[in-house]
Amino acid sequence: MKFIANINVMPLKALLDPQGKAVTGSMKNLGLPEIDNVRIGKHITLEVEAASEEVAKAKVNDACTKLLCNQIMESFEFNLTPIK
């Protein structure tokens, strides 16, 4: 089976997000003061071939923990969608 993984990688909430802080400040300058606490991360999509959804989840989790996410500074979450 083949799956598409949609992965979101975000900075940990306890850490400063300089890009998000800059965008938050710009919102006020654009006349959008009601937008606050912007956090900027990464969105990654990939395809994975696996015998089952459980195996695909394990492979995507490995990819995230070993390469795509710096777990000292970031967290990740993902979902899988079967390709028909």
C-alpha atoms as a PDB file:
ATOM      1  CA  MET A   1       0.000   0.000   0.000  1.00  0.00           C
ATOM      2  CA  LYS A   2       1.073   3.557  -0.602  1.00  0.00           C
ATOM      3  CA  PHE A   3       0.327   6.471   1.728  1.00  0.00           C
ATOM      4  CA  ILE A   4       0.773  10.229   1.692  1.00  0.00           C
ATOM      5  CA  ALA A   5       2.066  11.644   4.961  1.00  0.00           C
ATOM      6  CA  ASN A   6       1.338  15.270   5.876  1.00  0.00           C
ATOM      7  CA  ILE A   7       3.800  16.334   8.550  1.00  0.00           C
ATOM      8  CA  ASN A   8       3.765  19.554  10.577  1.00  0.00           C
ATOM      9  CA  VAL A   9       6.947  20.546  12.410  1.00  0.00           C
ATOM     10  CA  MET A  10       6.653  23.434  14.867  1.00  0.00           C
ATOM     11  CA  PRO A  11       9.015  25.100  17.340  1.00  0.00           C
ATOM     12  CA  LEU A  12       8.442  24.001  20.918  1.00  0.00           C
ATOM     13  CA  LYS A  13       6.074  26.341  22.747  1.00  0.00           C
ATOM     14  CA  ALA A  14       8.673  27.015  25.463  1.00  0.00           C
ATOM     15  CA  LEU A  15      11.136  28.409  22.885  1.00  0.00           C
ATOM     16  CA  LEU A  16      11.199  31.834  21.296  1.00  0.00           C
ATOM     17  CA  ASP A  17      10.062  31.867  17.653  1.00  0.00           C
ATOM     18  CA  PRO A  18      11.798  34.922  16.112  1.00  0.00           C
ATOM     19  CA  GLN A  19      10.037  34.554  12.739  1.00  0.00           C
ATOM     20  CA  GLY A  20       6.655  34.282  14.427  1.00  0.00           C
ATOM     21  CA  LYS A  21       7.420  37.273  16.628  1.00  0.00           C
ATOM     22  CA  ALA A  22       8.379  39.384  13.589  1.00  0.00           C
ATOM     23  CA  VAL A  23       5.184  38.398  11.755  1.00  0.00           C
ATOM     24  CA  THR A  24       3.106  39.122  14.867  1.00  0.00           C
ATOM     25  CA  GLY A  25       4.606  42.633  14.995  1.00  0.00           C
ATOM     26  CA  SER A  26       3.896  43.141  11.294  1.00  0.00           C
ATOM     27  CA  MET A  27       0.232  42.232  11.771  1.00  0.00           C
ATOM     28  CA  LYS A  28      -0.239  45.309  13.937  1.00  0.00           C
ATOM     29  CA  ASN A  29       1.429  47.464  11.245  1.00  0.00           C
ATOM     30  CA  LEU A  30      -0.963  46.006   8.645  1.00  0.00           C
ATOM     31  CA  GLY A  31      -4.012  46.978  10.679  1.00  0.00           C
ATOM     32  CA  LEU A  32      -4.596  43.459  12.029  1.00  0.00           C
ATOM     33  CA  PRO A  33      -3.965  43.881  15.777  1.00  0.00           C
ATOM     34  CA  GLU A  34      -6.375  41.062  16.609  1.00  0.00           C
ATOM     35  CA  ILE A  35      -3.865  38.509  15.201  1.00  0.00           C
ATOM     36  CA  ASP A  36      -1.373  37.550  17.905  1.00  0.00           C
ATOM     37  CA  ASN A  37       1.087  34.808  18.921  1.00  0.00           C
ATOM     38  CA  VAL A  38       2.029  33.734  15.382  1.00  0.00           C
ATOM     39  CA  ARG A  39       4.222  30.590  15.303  1.00  0.00           C
ATOM     40  CA  ILE A  40       5.993  29.581  12.098  1.00  0.00           C
ATOM     41  CA  GLY A  41       7.025  26.016  11.304  1.00  0.00           C
ATOM     42  CA  LYS A  42       7.370  23.624   8.383  1.00  0.00           C
ATOM     43  CA  HIS A  43       4.882  21.507   6.457  1.00  0.00           C
ATOM     44  CA  ILE A  44       6.302  18.418   4.736  1.00  0.00           C
ATOM     45  CA  THR A  45       4.532  15.899   2.518  1.00  0.00           C
ATOM     46  CA  LEU A  46       5.956  12.570   1.452  1.00  0.00           C
ATOM     47  CA  GLU A  47       4.829   9.252   0.028  1.00  0.00           C
ATOM     48  CA  VAL A  48       5.608   5.993   1.793  1.00  0.00           C
ATOM     49  CA  GLU A  49       5.186   2.419   0.609  1.00  0.00           C
ATOM     50  CA  ALA A  50       4.315  -0.004   3.423  1.00  0.00           C
ATOM     51  CA  ALA A  51       2.502  -3.276   4.048  1.00  0.00           C
ATOM     52  CA  SER A  52       0.031  -1.618   6.443  1.00  0.00           C
ATOM     53  CA  GLU A  53      -0.895   1.719   7.982  1.00  0.00           C
ATOM     54  CA  GLU A  54       0.890   0.770  11.214  1.00  0.00           C
ATOM     55  CA  VAL A  55       4.143   0.074   9.340  1.00  0.00           C
ATOM     56  CA  ALA A  56       3.760   3.339   7.396  1.00  0.00           C
ATOM     57  CA  LYS A  57       3.264   5.262  10.653  1.00  0.00           C
ATOM     58  CA  ALA A  58       6.427   3.707  12.092  1.00  0.00           C
ATOM     59  CA  LYS A  59       8.434   4.639   8.971  1.00  0.00           C
ATOM     60  CA  VAL A  60       7.184   8.235   8.970  1.00  0.00           C
ATOM     61  CA  ASN A  61       7.846   8.521  12.696  1.00  0.00           C
ATOM     62  CA  ASP A  62      11.424   7.290  12.105  1.00  0.00           C
ATOM     63  CA  ALA A  63      11.913   9.833   9.293  1.00  0.00           C
ATOM     64  CA  CYS A  64      10.682  12.626  11.557  1.00  0.00           C
ATOM     65  CA  THR A  65      12.760  11.691  14.591  1.00  0.00           C
ATOM     66  CA  LYS A  66      15.945  10.910  12.633  1.00  0.00           C
ATOM     67  CA  LEU A  67      15.939  13.640   9.973  1.00  0.00           C
ATOM     68  CA  LEU A  68      12.971  15.992   9.574  1.00  0.00           C
ATOM     69  CA  CYS A  69      12.590  17.297  13.131  1.00  0.00           C
ATOM     70  CA  ASN A  70      15.161  18.598  15.616  1.00  0.00           C
ATOM     71  CA  GLN A  71      13.451  17.312  18.760  1.00  0.00           C
ATOM     72  CA  ILE A  72      15.526  19.581  20.990  1.00  0.00           C
ATOM     73  CA  MET A  73      13.773  22.614  19.492  1.00  0.00           C
ATOM     74  CA  GLU A  74      10.783  21.262  17.549  1.00  0.00           C
ATOM     75  CA  SER A  75       7.787  18.958  17.835  1.00  0.00           C
ATOM     76  CA  PHE A  76       5.983  17.165  15.027  1.00  0.00           C
ATOM     77  CA  GLU A  77       2.657  15.578  14.205  1.00  0.00           C
ATOM     78  CA  PHE A  78       1.497  13.827  11.079  1.00  0.00           C
ATOM     79  CA  ASN A  79      -1.415  12.051   9.439  1.00  0.00           C
ATOM     80  CA  LEU A  80      -1.502   9.417   6.740  1.00  0.00           C
ATOM     81  CA  THR A  81      -3.869   9.132   3.806  1.00  0.00           C
ATOM     82  CA  PRO A  82      -3.957   5.999   1.645  1.00  0.00           C
ATOM     83  CA  ILE A  83      -3.319   6.579  -2.061  1.00  0.00           C
ATOM     84  CA  LYS A  84      -5.895   4.783  -4.186  1.00  0.00           C
END
